Structures are given as structure tokens and as C-alpha cells.
Amino acid sequence: MVENLVRRYFLLSSCERKNQKGFTLTELIVVLFVMSILTAISVPSILNQTRKAKQAEAITALSAFVNAQAAYRSEYRSYASSFQALALGLPTSTDDYNYSVPEANTTFTAAIATAKDTSLKGYSAASTWYAVEQTNPDTGLPQLERTISSIVCEADFAGTTPPALPEQGPPPTCPASFSVVGSGS
């Protein structure tokens, strides 16, 4: 019975509409309803991807910083005290982050990326130069192996508070409430 009613409705609708052009108000409302549902689903995802892209800027800048610091340390026997000294062209401030080098000496350097927006996470990075005692396989005698180890850390929570510096180590480690997002030796 219901099937007959549905068939009659569509038959009558098609007969009535043969001479009419355009859409009915019901059809427009249905289309708007479907579009609003799709928009409600997609907007949070788009905003999340935008936030991740902004945070990737900080990770990339700090990764470049620790890599450049390792090269600088190998050449000058100490770490650079600023982004400018590395001559990488890295800015100290962008639309989303402020960058600084709060500590740099002969064996340890650290940099932080402080978020300007409360929805972004803060980042910190460090590079440590240290010696590891190893046994020479040819002579069996102990010898010191010099190495540089680096780490990039991400705060577990978003906010504009300056991030904590990584622990000096050796090797450097992320502080509490931070996760490793990059490392190297």
C-alpha cells in the first residue's frame, strides 16, 4: 500500500512538473540541509590541518637550528648564541612563533619556539656535544669518542607559555610534559 502511494506521488509530481522549470522550496531546503551537514563535518578538519601546518613551521625551524648548530660546533668548537650567527636566514619571529636561543656554550645549546596563539603547541630543541668512552677494537684500550646529539621536543599541551628547555643529558632528553618529534646524533 505504501509503495502504491509513493508511486502515485512521484507520478503526479512528474506530471505536474513537466511544464514547470526550477526547484521546489522543499528541494532547496533539502539541498541546504545536506550542505550544512557537510560543512559542519569538514570545517573542524580543515582548521585542524591549518594548525598542524603552523606547528610544522616550528618543527622545521628548530630542526634546521640543531643541524646548523652541529655544523657550527664542529667548525668553531662552541655553539652559536643566536639564529643570526648561524646565517641560515631563520627569522626570530613569524606570524605564529617567536624563536630564541636561551642557552649556548661549548657543550650545550637550546632553542625554543614560543607560540603566539593559544591553539598552537610550543617547541624546544637542544644539541649536546659530549664524549663517550669506548674500547678500541684493535688495541683493546679505552678511547674517547666525541659525538653531538640533538633533539626536538613538542609540548603535550597548547599555549603561549615559553616551553621548557630539554635536559642537557648526555644525550639531551625532552622535559616532562613534552614528546620527542625529532632527534639526531
N, C-alpha and C. Protein backbone atom coordinates (compact mmCIF):
# COMPACT_ATOMS: atom_id res chain seq x y z
N MET A 1 0.81 -1.18 0.00
CA MET A 1 0.00 0.00 0.00
C MET A 1 0.86 1.26 0.00
N VAL A 2 1.89 1.26 0.84
CA VAL A 2 2.77 2.43 0.91
C VAL A 2 3.49 2.60 -0.42
N GLU A 3 3.86 1.50 -1.02
CA GLU A 3 4.55 1.56 -2.31
C GLU A 3 3.66 2.20 -3.37
N ASN A 4 2.39 1.86 -3.34
CA ASN A 4 1.45 2.46 -4.31
C ASN A 4 1.34 3.96 -4.09
N LEU A 5 1.29 4.38 -2.84
CA LEU A 5 1.20 5.81 -2.55
C LEU A 5 2.44 6.55 -3.02
N VAL A 6 3.60 5.95 -2.80
CA VAL A 6 4.85 6.58 -3.22
C VAL A 6 4.90 6.68 -4.74
N ARG A 7 4.48 5.61 -5.44
CA ARG A 7 4.46 5.63 -6.90
C ARG A 7 3.50 6.70 -7.42
N ARG A 8 2.33 6.80 -6.83
CA ARG A 8 1.35 7.81 -7.26
C ARG A 8 1.90 9.22 -7.03
N TYR A 9 2.58 9.41 -5.90
CA TYR A 9 3.14 10.74 -5.60
C TYR A 9 4.17 11.14 -6.66
N PHE A 10 5.08 10.24 -6.95
CA PHE A 10 6.11 10.55 -7.95
C PHE A 10 5.49 10.72 -9.35
N LEU A 11 4.46 9.91 -9.66
CA LEU A 11 3.79 10.04 -10.95
C LEU A 11 3.10 11.39 -11.07
N LEU A 12 2.38 11.77 -10.03
CA LEU A 12 1.71 13.07 -10.04
C LEU A 12 2.72 14.21 -10.06
N SER A 13 3.80 14.06 -9.30
CA SER A 13 4.83 15.09 -9.26
C SER A 13 5.45 15.28 -10.63
N SER A 14 5.73 14.17 -11.31
CA SER A 14 6.37 14.28 -12.62
C SER A 14 5.40 14.86 -13.65
N CYS A 15 4.12 14.52 -13.55
CA CYS A 15 3.14 15.09 -14.49
C CYS A 15 2.99 16.58 -14.27
N GLU A 16 2.95 17.00 -13.03
CA GLU A 16 2.79 18.42 -12.71
C GLU A 16 4.02 19.22 -13.11
N ARG A 17 5.18 18.62 -13.03
CA ARG A 17 6.43 19.35 -13.24
C ARG A 17 6.86 19.38 -14.70
N LYS A 18 6.18 18.69 -15.58
CA LYS A 18 6.62 18.66 -16.97
C LYS A 18 6.64 20.05 -17.57
N ASN A 19 5.73 20.88 -17.19
CA ASN A 19 5.66 22.23 -17.75
C ASN A 19 6.34 23.26 -16.86
N GLN A 20 6.80 22.85 -15.69
CA GLN A 20 7.42 23.80 -14.77
C GLN A 20 8.93 23.67 -14.82
N LYS A 21 9.61 24.82 -14.60
CA LYS A 21 11.07 24.81 -14.56
C LYS A 21 11.50 25.32 -13.19
N GLY A 22 12.66 24.86 -12.73
CA GLY A 22 13.18 25.31 -11.44
C GLY A 22 13.02 24.24 -10.38
N PHE A 23 13.25 24.68 -9.13
CA PHE A 23 13.22 23.76 -8.00
C PHE A 23 12.10 24.15 -7.05
N THR A 24 11.59 23.17 -6.34
CA THR A 24 10.58 23.47 -5.32
C THR A 24 11.29 23.92 -4.05
N LEU A 25 10.55 24.56 -3.19
CA LEU A 25 11.11 25.02 -1.92
C LEU A 25 11.62 23.84 -1.10
N THR A 26 10.93 22.74 -1.14
CA THR A 26 11.34 21.55 -0.40
C THR A 26 12.69 21.04 -0.90
N GLU A 27 12.87 21.01 -2.22
CA GLU A 27 14.15 20.56 -2.77
C GLU A 27 15.29 21.48 -2.36
N LEU A 28 15.05 22.78 -2.36
CA LEU A 28 16.08 23.73 -1.94
C LEU A 28 16.44 23.55 -0.47
N ILE A 29 15.44 23.34 0.35
CA ILE A 29 15.69 23.15 1.79
C ILE A 29 16.50 21.87 2.02
N VAL A 30 16.18 20.81 1.30
CA VAL A 30 16.92 19.56 1.44
C VAL A 30 18.38 19.76 1.03
N VAL A 31 18.61 20.46 -0.08
CA VAL A 31 19.98 20.71 -0.53
C VAL A 31 20.74 21.55 0.49
N LEU A 32 20.11 22.59 1.02
CA LEU A 32 20.76 23.43 2.04
C LEU A 32 21.06 22.63 3.30
N PHE A 33 20.16 21.75 3.68
CA PHE A 33 20.37 20.92 4.86
C PHE A 33 21.57 19.99 4.66
N VAL A 34 21.65 19.35 3.52
CA VAL A 34 22.78 18.45 3.23
C VAL A 34 24.09 19.23 3.20
N MET A 35 24.07 20.41 2.57
CA MET A 35 25.29 21.23 2.51
C MET A 35 25.73 21.68 3.91
N SER A 36 24.79 22.02 4.77
CA SER A 36 25.17 22.45 6.12
C SER A 36 25.77 21.29 6.92
N ILE A 37 25.27 20.09 6.72
CA ILE A 37 25.84 18.93 7.40
C ILE A 37 27.26 18.68 6.91
N LEU A 38 27.47 18.72 5.61
CA LEU A 38 28.82 18.52 5.06
C LEU A 38 29.78 19.60 5.54
N THR A 39 29.32 20.83 5.62
CA THR A 39 30.16 21.92 6.12
C THR A 39 30.51 21.70 7.58
N ALA A 40 29.54 21.31 8.38
CA ALA A 40 29.79 21.07 9.80
C ALA A 40 30.81 19.95 10.01
N ILE A 41 30.82 19.00 9.12
CA ILE A 41 31.78 17.89 9.23
C ILE A 41 33.17 18.32 8.78
N SER A 42 33.27 19.11 7.72
CA SER A 42 34.57 19.43 7.13
C SER A 42 35.31 20.60 7.78
N VAL A 43 34.63 21.58 8.33
CA VAL A 43 35.31 22.76 8.89
C VAL A 43 36.28 22.40 10.02
N PRO A 44 35.91 21.60 11.01
CA PRO A 44 36.89 21.26 12.05
C PRO A 44 38.13 20.56 11.50
N SER A 45 37.94 19.72 10.51
CA SER A 45 39.08 19.03 9.90
C SER A 45 40.00 20.02 9.21
N ILE A 46 39.45 20.97 8.50
CA ILE A 46 40.25 21.99 7.82
C ILE A 46 41.01 22.83 8.83
N LEU A 47 40.35 23.23 9.91
CA LEU A 47 41.01 24.04 10.94
C LEU A 47 42.13 23.25 11.62
N ASN A 48 41.93 21.97 11.83
CA ASN A 48 42.96 21.12 12.44
C ASN A 48 44.18 21.02 11.52
N GLN A 49 43.97 20.89 10.22
CA GLN A 49 45.09 20.82 9.28
C GLN A 49 45.85 22.14 9.23
N THR A 50 45.16 23.26 9.36
CA THR A 50 45.81 24.57 9.39
C THR A 50 46.72 24.67 10.61
N ARG A 51 46.22 24.23 11.76
CA ARG A 51 47.01 24.26 12.99
C ARG A 51 48.25 23.38 12.85
N LYS A 52 48.10 22.20 12.28
CA LYS A 52 49.24 21.30 12.09
C LYS A 52 50.29 21.90 11.16
N ALA A 53 49.85 22.61 10.13
CA ALA A 53 50.79 23.25 9.21
C ALA A 53 51.58 24.35 9.91
N LYS A 54 50.92 25.10 10.76
CA LYS A 54 51.61 26.16 11.51
C LYS A 54 52.63 25.56 12.47
N GLN A 55 52.28 24.45 13.10
CA GLN A 55 53.20 23.79 14.02
C GLN A 55 54.37 23.16 13.28
N ALA A 56 54.14 22.72 12.06
CA ALA A 56 55.23 22.15 11.25
C ALA A 56 56.30 23.20 10.97
N GLU A 57 55.89 24.46 10.88
CA GLU A 57 56.86 25.56 10.70
C GLU A 57 57.87 25.57 11.84
N ALA A 58 57.38 25.45 13.07
CA ALA A 58 58.26 25.48 14.24
C ALA A 58 59.18 24.26 14.27
N ILE A 59 58.65 23.10 13.96
CA ILE A 59 59.46 21.88 13.95
C ILE A 59 60.57 21.99 12.91
N THR A 60 60.23 22.49 11.73
CA THR A 60 61.22 22.64 10.66
C THR A 60 62.30 23.64 11.04
N ALA A 61 61.90 24.77 11.62
CA ALA A 61 62.88 25.79 12.02
C ALA A 61 63.83 25.27 13.09
N LEU A 62 63.29 24.58 14.09
CA LEU A 62 64.15 24.07 15.16
C LEU A 62 65.02 22.90 14.69
N SER A 63 64.52 22.10 13.77
CA SER A 63 65.35 21.03 13.19
C SER A 63 66.52 21.62 12.41
N ALA A 64 66.24 22.67 11.64
CA ALA A 64 67.32 23.35 10.90
C ALA A 64 68.31 23.97 11.88
N PHE A 65 67.79 24.50 12.99
CA PHE A 65 68.65 25.11 14.01
C PHE A 65 69.62 24.09 14.60
N VAL A 66 69.13 22.93 15.03
CA VAL A 66 70.03 21.95 15.66
C VAL A 66 71.02 21.37 14.66
N ASN A 67 70.60 21.20 13.41
CA ASN A 67 71.53 20.71 12.39
C ASN A 67 72.62 21.74 12.11
N ALA A 68 72.23 23.01 12.02
CA ALA A 68 73.21 24.07 11.78
C ALA A 68 74.13 24.23 13.00
N GLN A 69 73.59 24.07 14.19
CA GLN A 69 74.41 24.17 15.40
C GLN A 69 75.46 23.06 15.44
N ALA A 70 75.10 21.87 15.00
CA ALA A 70 76.08 20.77 14.97
C ALA A 70 77.23 21.11 14.03
N ALA A 71 76.92 21.67 12.87
CA ALA A 71 77.97 22.07 11.93
C ALA A 71 78.79 23.23 12.50
N TYR A 72 78.12 24.18 13.13
CA TYR A 72 78.81 25.33 13.73
C TYR A 72 79.74 24.86 14.84
N ARG A 73 79.27 23.93 15.67
CA ARG A 73 80.08 23.40 16.79
C ARG A 73 81.31 22.67 16.26
N SER A 74 81.16 21.94 15.18
CA SER A 74 82.30 21.23 14.60
C SER A 74 83.36 22.19 14.08
N GLU A 75 82.92 23.34 13.58
CA GLU A 75 83.87 24.29 13.00
C GLU A 75 84.47 25.25 14.03
N TYR A 76 83.65 25.76 14.95
CA TYR A 76 84.11 26.81 15.87
C TYR A 76 84.34 26.34 17.31
N ARG A 77 84.10 25.08 17.61
CA ARG A 77 84.30 24.49 18.95
C ARG A 77 83.42 25.11 20.04
N SER A 78 82.37 25.76 19.65
CA SER A 78 81.34 26.23 20.57
C SER A 78 80.06 26.41 19.76
N TYR A 79 78.95 26.53 20.45
CA TYR A 79 77.67 26.71 19.76
C TYR A 79 77.40 28.20 19.53
N ALA A 80 76.66 28.51 18.48
CA ALA A 80 76.27 29.89 18.17
C ALA A 80 75.24 30.36 19.19
N SER A 81 75.32 31.63 19.55
CA SER A 81 74.42 32.16 20.58
C SER A 81 73.15 32.78 20.01
N SER A 82 72.97 32.74 18.68
CA SER A 82 71.76 33.31 18.09
C SER A 82 71.47 32.66 16.74
N PHE A 83 70.26 32.85 16.27
CA PHE A 83 69.88 32.35 14.96
C PHE A 83 70.68 33.08 13.87
N GLN A 84 70.93 34.37 14.07
CA GLN A 84 71.65 35.17 13.07
C GLN A 84 73.09 34.67 12.89
N ALA A 85 73.74 34.23 13.96
CA ALA A 85 75.12 33.76 13.87
C ALA A 85 75.24 32.51 12.99
N LEU A 86 74.16 31.77 12.86
CA LEU A 86 74.18 30.56 12.03
C LEU A 86 74.05 30.88 10.54
N ALA A 87 73.62 32.09 10.22
CA ALA A 87 73.47 32.55 8.83
C ALA A 87 72.58 31.62 8.00
N LEU A 88 71.50 31.16 8.61
CA LEU A 88 70.55 30.30 7.91
C LEU A 88 69.39 31.08 7.30
N GLY A 89 69.26 32.33 7.72
CA GLY A 89 68.12 33.12 7.27
C GLY A 89 66.85 32.79 8.04
N LEU A 90 66.98 32.14 9.18
CA LEU A 90 65.81 31.83 10.00
C LEU A 90 65.38 33.08 10.76
N PRO A 91 64.11 33.44 10.72
CA PRO A 91 63.65 34.62 11.46
C PRO A 91 63.55 34.33 12.95
N THR A 92 63.62 35.37 13.76
CA THR A 92 63.42 35.20 15.20
C THR A 92 61.95 35.35 15.57
N SER A 93 61.13 35.76 14.61
CA SER A 93 59.70 35.89 14.84
C SER A 93 58.95 35.69 13.52
N THR A 94 57.84 34.97 13.60
CA THR A 94 56.95 34.78 12.44
C THR A 94 55.54 35.13 12.90
N ASP A 95 54.56 34.94 12.04
CA ASP A 95 53.18 35.23 12.42
C ASP A 95 52.70 34.33 13.56
N ASP A 96 53.29 33.15 13.68
CA ASP A 96 52.80 32.17 14.65
C ASP A 96 53.73 31.89 15.82
N TYR A 97 55.04 32.14 15.67
CA TYR A 97 56.01 31.78 16.71
C TYR A 97 57.08 32.85 16.90
N ASN A 98 57.60 32.92 18.14
CA ASN A 98 58.81 33.67 18.46
C ASN A 98 59.90 32.65 18.75
N TYR A 99 61.08 32.85 18.18
CA TYR A 99 62.20 31.92 18.36
C TYR A 99 63.30 32.60 19.15
N SER A 100 63.93 31.84 20.04
CA SER A 100 65.05 32.40 20.81
C SER A 100 66.04 31.29 21.16
N VAL A 101 67.26 31.72 21.51
CA VAL A 101 68.33 30.81 21.93
C VAL A 101 68.67 31.19 23.37
N PRO A 102 68.00 30.60 24.36
CA PRO A 102 68.25 30.97 25.75
C PRO A 102 69.57 30.47 26.32
N GLU A 103 70.16 29.46 25.67
CA GLU A 103 71.42 28.92 26.21
C GLU A 103 72.31 28.42 25.08
N ALA A 104 73.59 28.82 25.13
CA ALA A 104 74.58 28.32 24.17
C ALA A 104 75.96 28.45 24.80
N ASN A 105 76.70 27.35 24.86
CA ASN A 105 78.07 27.37 25.37
C ASN A 105 78.90 26.37 24.57
N THR A 106 79.97 25.88 25.11
CA THR A 106 80.83 24.97 24.33
C THR A 106 80.28 23.55 24.23
N THR A 107 79.41 23.14 25.15
CA THR A 107 78.92 21.76 25.13
C THR A 107 77.41 21.61 24.96
N PHE A 108 76.65 22.68 25.07
CA PHE A 108 75.19 22.58 25.03
C PHE A 108 74.58 23.84 24.44
N THR A 109 73.54 23.65 23.64
CA THR A 109 72.75 24.78 23.15
C THR A 109 71.29 24.38 23.14
N ALA A 110 70.42 25.36 23.29
CA ALA A 110 68.99 25.10 23.26
C ALA A 110 68.29 26.27 22.58
N ALA A 111 67.18 25.97 21.94
CA ALA A 111 66.35 26.99 21.31
C ALA A 111 64.90 26.66 21.62
N ILE A 112 64.08 27.71 21.65
CA ILE A 112 62.65 27.49 21.90
C ILE A 112 61.83 28.23 20.85
N ALA A 113 60.66 27.67 20.57
CA ALA A 113 59.67 28.30 19.70
C ALA A 113 58.43 28.50 20.55
N THR A 114 58.17 29.77 20.91
CA THR A 114 57.02 30.10 21.75
C THR A 114 55.85 30.48 20.86
N ALA A 115 54.73 29.80 21.03
CA ALA A 115 53.54 30.05 20.21
C ALA A 115 52.94 31.42 20.54
N LYS A 116 52.43 32.09 19.52
CA LYS A 116 51.74 33.37 19.71
C LYS A 116 50.23 33.16 19.83
N ASP A 117 49.75 31.98 19.49
CA ASP A 117 48.33 31.65 19.51
C ASP A 117 48.11 30.52 20.52
N THR A 118 47.08 30.64 21.32
CA THR A 118 46.83 29.64 22.37
C THR A 118 46.45 28.27 21.82
N SER A 119 46.11 28.18 20.54
CA SER A 119 45.75 26.87 19.97
C SER A 119 46.97 26.10 19.46
N LEU A 120 48.16 26.74 19.47
CA LEU A 120 49.38 26.11 18.97
C LEU A 120 50.24 25.60 20.13
N LYS A 121 50.99 24.55 19.88
CA LYS A 121 51.90 23.99 20.88
C LYS A 121 53.26 24.67 20.80
N GLY A 122 53.97 24.69 21.93
CA GLY A 122 55.33 25.21 21.97
C GLY A 122 56.33 24.10 21.69
N TYR A 123 57.53 24.51 21.27
CA TYR A 123 58.57 23.54 20.92
C TYR A 123 59.90 23.98 21.50
N SER A 124 60.75 23.01 21.81
CA SER A 124 62.11 23.31 22.25
C SER A 124 63.05 22.30 21.59
N ALA A 125 64.31 22.72 21.45
CA ALA A 125 65.30 21.86 20.81
C ALA A 125 66.63 22.04 21.52
N ALA A 126 67.46 21.02 21.45
CA ALA A 126 68.78 21.09 22.07
C ALA A 126 69.77 20.26 21.29
N SER A 127 71.03 20.65 21.44
CA SER A 127 72.14 19.91 20.87
C SER A 127 73.23 19.83 21.93
N THR A 128 73.74 18.63 22.18
CA THR A 128 74.76 18.43 23.21
C THR A 128 75.99 17.78 22.57
N TRP A 129 77.16 18.32 22.93
CA TRP A 129 78.44 17.74 22.49
C TRP A 129 79.03 17.04 23.71
N TYR A 130 79.36 15.77 23.56
CA TYR A 130 79.90 15.03 24.70
C TYR A 130 80.82 13.91 24.22
N ALA A 131 81.54 13.34 25.16
CA ALA A 131 82.46 12.25 24.85
C ALA A 131 81.93 10.96 25.47
N VAL A 132 82.07 9.88 24.73
CA VAL A 132 81.66 8.56 25.19
C VAL A 132 82.90 7.68 25.20
N GLU A 133 83.14 7.02 26.33
CA GLU A 133 84.31 6.13 26.39
C GLU A 133 83.96 4.80 25.75
N GLN A 134 84.81 4.38 24.80
CA GLN A 134 84.63 3.11 24.11
C GLN A 134 85.96 2.38 24.08
N THR A 135 85.89 1.09 23.83
CA THR A 135 87.11 0.29 23.72
C THR A 135 87.51 0.20 22.25
N ASN A 136 88.77 0.50 21.99
CA ASN A 136 89.31 0.40 20.64
C ASN A 136 89.37 -1.08 20.27
N PRO A 137 88.70 -1.50 19.19
CA PRO A 137 88.69 -2.93 18.85
C PRO A 137 90.06 -3.47 18.44
N ASP A 138 90.95 -2.60 17.95
CA ASP A 138 92.28 -3.06 17.52
C ASP A 138 93.24 -3.23 18.69
N THR A 139 93.22 -2.25 19.62
CA THR A 139 94.18 -2.27 20.72
C THR A 139 93.60 -2.79 22.02
N GLY A 140 92.26 -2.75 22.14
CA GLY A 140 91.63 -3.16 23.39
C GLY A 140 91.72 -2.09 24.46
N LEU A 141 92.27 -0.92 24.12
CA LEU A 141 92.41 0.18 25.07
C LEU A 141 91.18 1.09 25.01
N PRO A 142 90.86 1.72 26.16
CA PRO A 142 89.73 2.66 26.15
C PRO A 142 90.10 3.92 25.35
N GLN A 143 89.11 4.48 24.68
CA GLN A 143 89.31 5.73 23.96
C GLN A 143 88.03 6.56 24.03
N LEU A 144 88.17 7.87 23.89
CA LEU A 144 87.00 8.75 23.93
C LEU A 144 86.50 9.00 22.51
N GLU A 145 85.22 8.80 22.34
CA GLU A 145 84.56 9.08 21.06
C GLU A 145 83.71 10.33 21.27
N ARG A 146 83.99 11.39 20.54
CA ARG A 146 83.23 12.64 20.66
C ARG A 146 82.00 12.56 19.74
N THR A 147 80.88 13.02 20.25
CA THR A 147 79.65 12.97 19.46
C THR A 147 78.77 14.17 19.77
N ILE A 148 77.91 14.49 18.83
CA ILE A 148 76.91 15.54 19.01
C ILE A 148 75.55 14.87 18.87
N SER A 149 74.69 15.12 19.83
CA SER A 149 73.35 14.54 19.81
C SER A 149 72.33 15.67 19.91
N SER A 150 71.24 15.57 19.14
CA SER A 150 70.23 16.63 19.09
C SER A 150 68.85 16.06 19.33
N ILE A 151 67.94 16.96 19.73
CA ILE A 151 66.56 16.55 19.97
C ILE A 151 65.64 17.75 19.74
N VAL A 152 64.43 17.49 19.24
CA VAL A 152 63.38 18.50 19.11
C VAL A 152 62.18 17.96 19.87
N CYS A 153 61.63 18.79 20.76
CA CYS A 153 60.54 18.36 21.65
C CYS A 153 59.28 19.20 21.41
N GLU A 154 58.12 18.56 21.55
CA GLU A 154 56.83 19.23 21.38
C GLU A 154 56.09 19.20 22.71
N ALA A 155 55.53 20.34 23.12
CA ALA A 155 54.73 20.38 24.34
C ALA A 155 53.49 19.52 24.16
N ASP A 156 53.09 18.84 25.21
CA ASP A 156 51.90 17.99 25.13
C ASP A 156 50.62 18.81 25.07
N PHE A 157 50.68 20.08 25.51
CA PHE A 157 49.50 20.93 25.55
C PHE A 157 49.78 22.25 24.84
N ALA A 158 48.76 22.81 24.21
CA ALA A 158 48.90 24.09 23.51
C ALA A 158 48.91 25.23 24.51
N GLY A 159 49.49 26.36 24.10
CA GLY A 159 49.52 27.56 24.93
C GLY A 159 50.65 28.48 24.53
N THR A 160 50.63 29.69 25.10
CA THR A 160 51.63 30.70 24.75
C THR A 160 52.74 30.81 25.79
N THR A 161 52.77 29.91 26.76
CA THR A 161 53.85 29.90 27.75
C THR A 161 55.14 29.43 27.09
N PRO A 162 56.27 30.12 27.35
CA PRO A 162 57.54 29.65 26.75
C PRO A 162 57.82 28.21 27.17
N PRO A 163 58.18 27.36 26.21
CA PRO A 163 58.41 25.95 26.52
C PRO A 163 59.67 25.73 27.36
N ALA A 164 59.66 24.65 28.11
CA ALA A 164 60.83 24.29 28.93
C ALA A 164 61.95 23.80 28.03
N LEU A 165 63.18 24.00 28.49
CA LEU A 165 64.35 23.55 27.73
C LEU A 165 64.54 22.05 27.92
N PRO A 166 65.04 21.37 26.89
CA PRO A 166 65.36 19.95 27.05
C PRO A 166 66.46 19.76 28.09
N GLU A 167 66.47 18.58 28.71
CA GLU A 167 67.53 18.24 29.66
C GLU A 167 68.84 18.07 28.91
N GLN A 168 69.94 18.55 29.51
CA GLN A 168 71.23 18.57 28.83
C GLN A 168 71.76 17.17 28.52
N GLY A 169 71.51 16.23 29.37
CA GLY A 169 71.98 14.87 29.09
C GLY A 169 73.41 14.64 29.55
N PRO A 170 74.23 13.92 28.87
CA PRO A 170 74.10 13.43 27.50
C PRO A 170 73.33 12.12 27.43
N PRO A 171 72.68 11.84 26.34
CA PRO A 171 72.23 12.76 25.30
C PRO A 171 71.07 13.60 25.80
N PRO A 172 70.71 14.67 25.10
CA PRO A 172 69.61 15.52 25.57
C PRO A 172 68.29 14.75 25.55
N THR A 173 67.42 15.09 26.50
CA THR A 173 66.11 14.45 26.59
C THR A 173 65.04 15.52 26.74
N CYS A 174 63.82 15.17 26.36
CA CYS A 174 62.71 16.12 26.48
C CYS A 174 62.30 16.25 27.95
N PRO A 175 61.90 17.46 28.36
CA PRO A 175 61.43 17.64 29.73
C PRO A 175 60.06 16.99 29.93
N ALA A 176 59.59 16.97 31.17
CA ALA A 176 58.27 16.42 31.47
C ALA A 176 57.21 17.19 30.68
N SER A 177 56.16 16.54 30.28
CA SER A 177 55.05 17.10 29.50
C SER A 177 55.45 17.49 28.09
N PHE A 178 56.52 16.87 27.57
CA PHE A 178 56.95 17.09 26.19
C PHE A 178 57.17 15.74 25.53
N SER A 179 57.02 15.70 24.21
CA SER A 179 57.24 14.49 23.43
C SER A 179 58.31 14.74 22.38
N VAL A 180 59.07 13.71 22.04
CA VAL A 180 60.10 13.83 21.01
C VAL A 180 59.44 13.86 19.64
N VAL A 181 59.80 14.86 18.81
CA VAL A 181 59.31 14.91 17.43
C VAL A 181 60.46 14.84 16.43
N GLY A 182 61.69 14.90 16.93
CA GLY A 182 62.85 14.79 16.05
C GLY A 182 64.11 14.62 16.88
N SER A 183 65.05 13.85 16.37
CA SER A 183 66.32 13.67 17.08
C SER A 183 67.39 13.27 16.08
N GLY A 184 68.63 13.38 16.51
CA GLY A 184 69.74 13.01 15.65
C GLY A 184 71.02 12.91 16.44
N SER A 185 72.00 12.28 15.85
CA SER A 185 73.30 12.15 16.50
C SER A 185 74.37 12.63 15.57
